[in-house]
C-alpha atoms as a PDB file:
ATOM      1  CA  UNK A   1      22.869 -15.891  38.497  1.00  0.00           C
ATOM      2  CA  UNK A   2      25.256 -13.510  36.706  1.00  0.00           C
ATOM      3  CA  UNK A   3      25.836 -16.208  34.098  1.00  0.00           C
ATOM      4  CA  UNK A   4      22.099 -16.399  33.279  1.00  0.00           C
ATOM      5  CA  UNK A   5      21.855 -12.607  32.993  1.00  0.00           C
ATOM      6  CA  UNK A   6      24.847 -12.697  30.644  1.00  0.00           C
ATOM      7  CA  UNK A   7      23.198 -15.409  28.497  1.00  0.00           C
ATOM      8  CA  UNK A   8      19.914 -13.480  28.450  1.00  0.00           C
ATOM      9  CA  UNK A   9      21.725 -10.321  27.245  1.00  0.00           C
ATOM     10  CA  UNK A  10      23.441 -12.294  24.493  1.00  0.00           C
ATOM     11  CA  UNK A  11      20.061 -13.785  23.497  1.00  0.00           C
ATOM     12  CA  UNK A  12      18.472 -10.322  23.278  1.00  0.00           C
ATOM     13  CA  UNK A  13      21.352  -8.966  21.227  1.00  0.00           C
ATOM     14  CA  UNK A  14      21.199 -11.941  18.851  1.00  0.00           C
ATOM     15  CA  UNK A  15      17.446 -11.406  18.343  1.00  0.00           C
ATOM     16  CA  UNK A  16      17.797  -7.762  17.294  1.00  0.00           C
ATOM     17  CA  UNK A  17      17.734  -7.656  13.510  1.00  0.00           C
ATOM     18  CA  UNK A  18      20.494  -5.876  11.672  1.00  0.00           C
ATOM     19  CA  UNK A  19      19.417  -2.396  10.541  1.00  0.00           C
ATOM     20  CA  UNK A  20      21.112  -0.784   7.558  1.00  0.00           C
ATOM     21  CA  UNK A  21      20.548   2.245   5.350  1.00  0.00           C
ATOM     22  CA  UNK A  22      19.486   1.694   1.745  1.00  0.00           C
ATOM     23  CA  UNK A  23      22.377   3.883   0.584  1.00  0.00           C
ATOM     24  CA  UNK A  24      24.953   1.721   2.394  1.00  0.00           C
ATOM     25  CA  UNK A  25      27.669   0.877  -0.164  1.00  0.00           C
ATOM     26  CA  UNK A  26      27.309  -2.832   0.638  1.00  0.00           C
ATOM     27  CA  UNK A  27      23.611  -2.863  -0.364  1.00  0.00           C
ATOM     28  CA  UNK A  28      22.847  -4.061  -3.874  1.00  0.00           C
ATOM     29  CA  UNK A  29      19.793  -5.233  -5.784  1.00  0.00           C
ATOM     30  CA  UNK A  30      19.167  -7.827  -8.420  1.00  0.00           C
ATOM     31  CA  UNK A  31      15.614  -7.338  -9.615  1.00  0.00           C
ATOM     32  CA  UNK A  32      13.439  -7.336  -6.505  1.00  0.00           C
ATOM     33  CA  UNK A  33      16.016  -9.103  -4.297  1.00  0.00           C
ATOM     34  CA  UNK A  34      18.145  -7.025  -1.901  1.00  0.00           C
ATOM     35  CA  UNK A  35      21.665  -8.153  -1.032  1.00  0.00           C
ATOM     36  CA  UNK A  36      23.991  -7.003   1.739  1.00  0.00           C
ATOM     37  CA  UNK A  37      27.684  -7.782   1.326  1.00  0.00           C
ATOM     38  CA  UNK A  38      26.780 -10.228  -1.451  1.00  0.00           C
ATOM     39  CA  UNK A  39      24.263 -12.227   0.623  1.00  0.00           C
ATOM     40  CA  UNK A  40      20.469 -12.083   0.539  1.00  0.00           C
ATOM     41  CA  UNK A  41      19.545  -9.502   3.132  1.00  0.00           C
ATOM     42  CA  UNK A  42      17.894 -10.395   6.456  1.00  0.00           C
ATOM     43  CA  UNK A  43      16.977  -7.491   8.702  1.00  0.00           C
ATOM     44  CA  UNK A  44      15.611  -3.960   8.536  1.00  0.00           C
ATOM     45  CA  UNK A  45      16.306  -1.689   5.576  1.00  0.00           C
ATOM     46  CA  UNK A  46      15.947   2.036   6.223  1.00  0.00           C
ATOM     47  CA  UNK A  47      15.223   4.234   3.193  1.00  0.00           C
ATOM     48  CA  UNK A  48      15.203   8.026   3.493  1.00  0.00           C
ATOM     49  CA  UNK A  49      13.086  10.256   1.285  1.00  0.00           C
ATOM     50  CA  UNK A  50      14.441  13.635   2.351  1.00  0.00           C
ATOM     51  CA  UNK A  51      12.248  15.717   0.012  1.00  0.00           C
ATOM     52  CA  UNK A  52       9.164  14.164   1.663  1.00  0.00           C
ATOM     53  CA  UNK A  53      10.726  14.078   5.150  1.00  0.00           C
ATOM     54  CA  UNK A  54       9.950  10.363   5.364  1.00  0.00           C
ATOM     55  CA  UNK A  55      11.894   7.343   6.582  1.00  0.00           C
ATOM     56  CA  UNK A  56      10.663   3.933   5.445  1.00  0.00           C
ATOM     57  CA  UNK A  57      11.715   0.919   7.508  1.00  0.00           C
ATOM     58  CA  UNK A  58      11.110  -2.429   5.824  1.00  0.00           C
ATOM     59  CA  UNK A  59      11.700  -5.891   7.254  1.00  0.00           C
ATOM     60  CA  UNK A  60      13.522  -8.285   4.889  1.00  0.00           C
ATOM     61  CA  UNK A  61      14.012 -12.046   4.843  1.00  0.00           C
ATOM     62  CA  UNK A  62      15.931 -13.918   2.123  1.00  0.00           C
ATOM     63  CA  UNK A  63      16.345 -10.626   0.263  1.00  0.00           C
ATOM     64  CA  UNK A  64      12.602  -9.924  -0.035  1.00  0.00           C
ATOM     65  CA  UNK A  65      10.258  -7.740   2.023  1.00  0.00           C
ATOM     66  CA  UNK A  66       8.844  -9.984   4.736  1.00  0.00           C
ATOM     67  CA  UNK A  67       7.065  -8.650   7.792  1.00  0.00           C
ATOM     68  CA  UNK A  68       6.224  -5.087   8.699  1.00  0.00           C
ATOM     69  CA  UNK A  69       6.998  -1.884   6.853  1.00  0.00           C
ATOM     70  CA  UNK A  70       6.480   1.589   8.312  1.00  0.00           C
ATOM     71  CA  UNK A  71       6.800   5.065   6.899  1.00  0.00           C
ATOM     72  CA  UNK A  72       7.547   7.683   9.535  1.00  0.00           C
ATOM     73  CA  UNK A  73       7.497  11.450   9.024  1.00  0.00           C
ATOM     74  CA  UNK A  74      10.273  13.614  10.476  1.00  0.00           C
ATOM     75  CA  UNK A  75       7.734  14.833  13.071  1.00  0.00           C
ATOM     76  CA  UNK A  76       7.501  11.244  14.395  1.00  0.00           C
ATOM     77  CA  UNK A  77       4.023  10.456  13.020  1.00  0.00           C
ATOM     78  CA  UNK A  78       3.513   7.110  11.313  1.00  0.00           C
ATOM     79  CA  UNK A  79       2.287   7.750   7.752  1.00  0.00           C
ATOM     80  CA  UNK A  80       1.922   4.158   6.535  1.00  0.00           C
ATOM     81  CA  UNK A  81       1.915   0.591   7.806  1.00  0.00           C
ATOM     82  CA  UNK A  82       2.196  -2.361   5.450  1.00  0.00           C
ATOM     83  CA  UNK A  83       2.745  -6.107   5.720  1.00  0.00           C
ATOM     84  CA  UNK A  84       4.670  -8.411   3.359  1.00  0.00           C
ATOM     85  CA  UNK A  85       5.175 -12.144   3.063  1.00  0.00           C
ATOM     86  CA  UNK A  86       7.986 -13.446   0.850  1.00  0.00           C
ATOM     87  CA  UNK A  87       7.998 -10.199  -1.136  1.00  0.00           C
ATOM     88  CA  UNK A  88       4.235 -10.035  -1.617  1.00  0.00           C
ATOM     89  CA  UNK A  89       1.823  -7.530  -0.095  1.00  0.00           C
ATOM     90  CA  UNK A  90      -0.553  -9.179   2.393  1.00  0.00           C
ATOM     91  CA  UNK A  91      -3.132  -8.083   4.933  1.00  0.00           C
ATOM     92  CA  UNK A  92      -4.382  -4.584   5.531  1.00  0.00           C
ATOM     93  CA  UNK A  93      -2.198  -1.623   4.513  1.00  0.00           C
ATOM     94  CA  UNK A  94      -3.011   1.700   6.141  1.00  0.00           C
ATOM     95  CA  UNK A  95      -1.874   5.228   5.415  1.00  0.00           C
ATOM     96  CA  UNK A  96      -2.353   8.680   6.920  1.00  0.00           C
ATOM     97  CA  UNK A  97      -1.603  12.242   5.933  1.00  0.00           C
ATOM     98  CA  UNK A  98       0.869  14.228   8.057  1.00  0.00           C
ATOM     99  CA  UNK A  99      -2.028  15.785   9.997  1.00  0.00           C
ATOM    100  CA  UNK A 100      -3.273  12.301  10.976  1.00  0.00           C
ATOM    101  CA  UNK A 101      -6.249  12.107   8.592  1.00  0.00           C
ATOM    102  CA  UNK A 102      -6.793   8.828   6.759  1.00  0.00           C
ATOM    103  CA  UNK A 103      -5.064   8.525   3.371  1.00  0.00           C
ATOM    104  CA  UNK A 104      -5.664   4.885   2.336  1.00  0.00           C
ATOM    105  CA  UNK A 105      -6.881   1.482   3.468  1.00  0.00           C
ATOM    106  CA  UNK A 106      -5.971  -1.387   1.127  1.00  0.00           C
ATOM    107  CA  UNK A 107      -6.479  -5.115   1.604  1.00  0.00           C
ATOM    108  CA  UNK A 108      -4.157  -7.649  -0.048  1.00  0.00           C
ATOM    109  CA  UNK A 109      -3.924 -11.392  -0.472  1.00  0.00           C
ATOM    110  CA  UNK A 110      -0.851 -13.025  -1.982  1.00  0.00           C
ATOM    111  CA  UNK A 111       0.404  -9.777  -3.522  1.00  0.00           C
ATOM    112  CA  UNK A 112      -2.903  -8.740  -5.098  1.00  0.00           C
ATOM    113  CA  UNK A 113      -5.685  -6.396  -4.090  1.00  0.00           C
ATOM    114  CA  UNK A 114      -8.330  -8.540  -2.416  1.00  0.00           C
ATOM    115  CA  UNK A 115     -11.180  -7.012  -0.485  1.00  0.00           C
ATOM    116  CA  UNK A 116     -11.650  -3.311   0.050  1.00  0.00           C
ATOM    117  CA  UNK A 117      -9.595  -0.365  -1.127  1.00  0.00           C
ATOM    118  CA  UNK A 118     -10.388   3.093   0.273  1.00  0.00           C
ATOM    119  CA  UNK A 119      -8.745   6.434  -0.566  1.00  0.00           C
ATOM    120  CA  UNK A 120      -9.261   9.843   1.027  1.00  0.00           C
ATOM    121  CA  UNK A 121      -8.251  13.352  -0.013  1.00  0.00           C
ATOM    122  CA  UNK A 122      -6.015  15.388   2.288  1.00  0.00           C
ATOM    123  CA  UNK A 123      -9.128  17.461   3.077  1.00  0.00           C
ATOM    124  CA  UNK A 124     -10.544  14.354   4.762  1.00  0.00           C
ATOM    125  CA  UNK A 125     -13.263  13.735   2.173  1.00  0.00           C
ATOM    126  CA  UNK A 126     -13.668  10.278   0.682  1.00  0.00           C
ATOM    127  CA  UNK A 127     -12.201   9.974  -2.809  1.00  0.00           C
ATOM    128  CA  UNK A 128     -12.762   6.349  -3.854  1.00  0.00           C
ATOM    129  CA  UNK A 129     -13.848   2.898  -2.791  1.00  0.00           C
ATOM    130  CA  UNK A 130     -13.083  -0.268  -4.763  1.00  0.00           C
ATOM    131  CA  UNK A 131     -13.860  -3.901  -4.138  1.00  0.00           C
ATOM    132  CA  UNK A 132     -11.432  -6.536  -5.448  1.00  0.00           C
ATOM    133  CA  UNK A 133     -11.492 -10.301  -5.845  1.00  0.00           C
ATOM    134  CA  UNK A 134      -7.983 -11.749  -6.252  1.00  0.00           C
ATOM    135  CA  UNK A 135      -6.660  -8.693  -8.103  1.00  0.00           C
ATOM    136  CA  UNK A 136      -9.733  -8.030 -10.235  1.00  0.00           C
ATOM    137  CA  UNK A 137     -11.947  -5.050  -9.570  1.00  0.00           C
ATOM    138  CA  UNK A 138     -15.583  -6.063  -9.016  1.00  0.00           C
ATOM    139  CA  UNK A 139     -16.938  -2.635  -8.116  1.00  0.00           C
ATOM    140  CA  UNK A 140     -15.891   0.963  -7.730  1.00  0.00           C
ATOM    141  CA  UNK A 141     -17.224   4.304  -6.474  1.00  0.00           C
ATOM    142  CA  UNK A 142     -15.585   7.701  -6.793  1.00  0.00           C
ATOM    143  CA  UNK A 143     -16.652  10.977  -5.229  1.00  0.00           C
ATOM    144  CA  UNK A 144     -16.011  14.597  -6.087  1.00  0.00           C
ATOM    145  CA  UNK A 145     -14.697  16.906  -3.358  1.00  0.00           C
ATOM    146  CA  UNK A 146     -18.289  18.072  -2.696  1.00  0.00           C
ATOM    147  CA  UNK A 147     -19.372  14.478  -1.951  1.00  0.00           C
ATOM    148  CA  UNK A 148     -21.173  13.876  -5.250  1.00  0.00           C
ATOM    149  CA  UNK A 149     -20.644  10.414  -6.755  1.00  0.00           C
ATOM    150  CA  UNK A 150     -19.344  10.572 -10.312  1.00  0.00           C
ATOM    151  CA  UNK A 151     -18.428   6.914 -10.814  1.00  0.00           C
ATOM    152  CA  UNK A 152     -20.342   3.947  -9.470  1.00  0.00           C
ATOM    153  CA  UNK A 153     -20.251   0.519 -11.103  1.00  0.00           C
ATOM    154  CA  UNK A 154     -20.072  -3.210 -10.489  1.00  0.00           C
ATOM    155  CA  UNK A 155     -18.634  -5.917 -12.704  1.00  0.00           C
ATOM    156  CA  UNK A 156     -20.837  -8.937 -13.331  1.00  0.00           C
ATOM    157  CA  UNK A 157     -19.813 -11.719 -15.727  1.00  0.00           C
ATOM    158  CA  UNK A 158     -17.120  -9.506 -17.234  1.00  0.00           C
ATOM    159  CA  UNK A 159     -19.432  -6.563 -17.877  1.00  0.00           C
ATOM    160  CA  UNK A 160     -19.627  -3.205 -16.080  1.00  0.00           C
ATOM    161  CA  UNK A 161     -23.031  -2.037 -14.849  1.00  0.00           C
ATOM    162  CA  UNK A 162     -23.714   1.424 -13.518  1.00  0.00           C
ATOM    163  CA  UNK A 163     -22.237   4.833 -14.081  1.00  0.00           C
ATOM    164  CA  UNK A 164     -18.691   4.275 -15.349  1.00  0.00           C
ATOM    165  CA  UNK A 165     -17.809   7.757 -16.600  1.00  0.00           C
ATOM    166  CA  UNK A 166     -17.434  11.189 -15.129  1.00  0.00           C
ATOM    167  CA  UNK A 167     -20.435  12.720 -16.928  1.00  0.00           C
ATOM    168  CA  UNK A 168     -23.374  13.723 -14.816  1.00  0.00           C
ATOM    169  CA  UNK A 169     -26.968  13.216 -15.821  1.00  0.00           C
ATOM    170  CA  UNK A 170     -27.611  16.907 -15.186  1.00  0.00           C
ATOM    171  CA  UNK A 171     -24.841  19.105 -16.494  1.00  0.00           C
ATOM    172  CA  UNK A 172     -24.468  22.418 -14.687  1.00  0.00           C
ATOM    173  CA  UNK A 173     -22.502  25.253 -16.230  1.00  0.00           C
ATOM    174  CA  UNK A 174     -21.664  28.658 -14.892  1.00  0.00           C
ATOM    175  CA  UNK A 175     -20.304  31.953 -16.089  1.00  0.00           C
ATOM    176  CA  UNK A 176     -16.988  33.436 -14.964  1.00  0.00           C
ATOM    177  CA  UNK A 177     -18.721  34.951 -11.909  1.00  0.00           C
ATOM    178  CA  UNK A 178     -19.942  31.532 -10.719  1.00  0.00           C
ATOM    179  CA  UNK A 179     -23.587  32.101 -11.677  1.00  0.00           C
ATOM    180  CA  UNK A 180     -25.482  29.083 -13.004  1.00  0.00           C
ATOM    181  CA  UNK A 181     -26.408  29.590 -16.651  1.00  0.00           C
ATOM    182  CA  UNK A 182     -27.357  26.102 -17.922  1.00  0.00           C
ATOM    183  CA  UNK A 183     -28.703  22.848 -16.556  1.00  0.00           C
END
């Protein structure tokens, strides 16, 4: 029985991926490929962004991001979750502000935006929504902080339809005291 426990412990240890810091002197890069001690890196790469108080942990295979990536704030909160396959972004990528409010929701296919892309302000208000088809935008909406839409268009047969600029139909101006003086 002790022999099987010993083998099981060895199996568990062998399954744990190597985890190294991005500033390790044996880490090098050639373009997008990460090497460790001269070999394409397999394992977890930990990158610290001290000014932001963030640690990013990225899974690598054959020197490219492959698998999960997480960004964790020094307070322990997860700020982003992403997925990669052979160096390309795939699936749904999610992000949050430090206070837990949504920051982004992006959908990828084969390294390109595909599906929905949402962005929020740190106040919690919606900032933008875009729809993509294999990396090409097919529609977009953007909101001001007060919730007013200032961009709203779709692309059909290579042409944009809708409101594509930031100008409003009704311009409102005010004086330095905040009083409305012109519509």
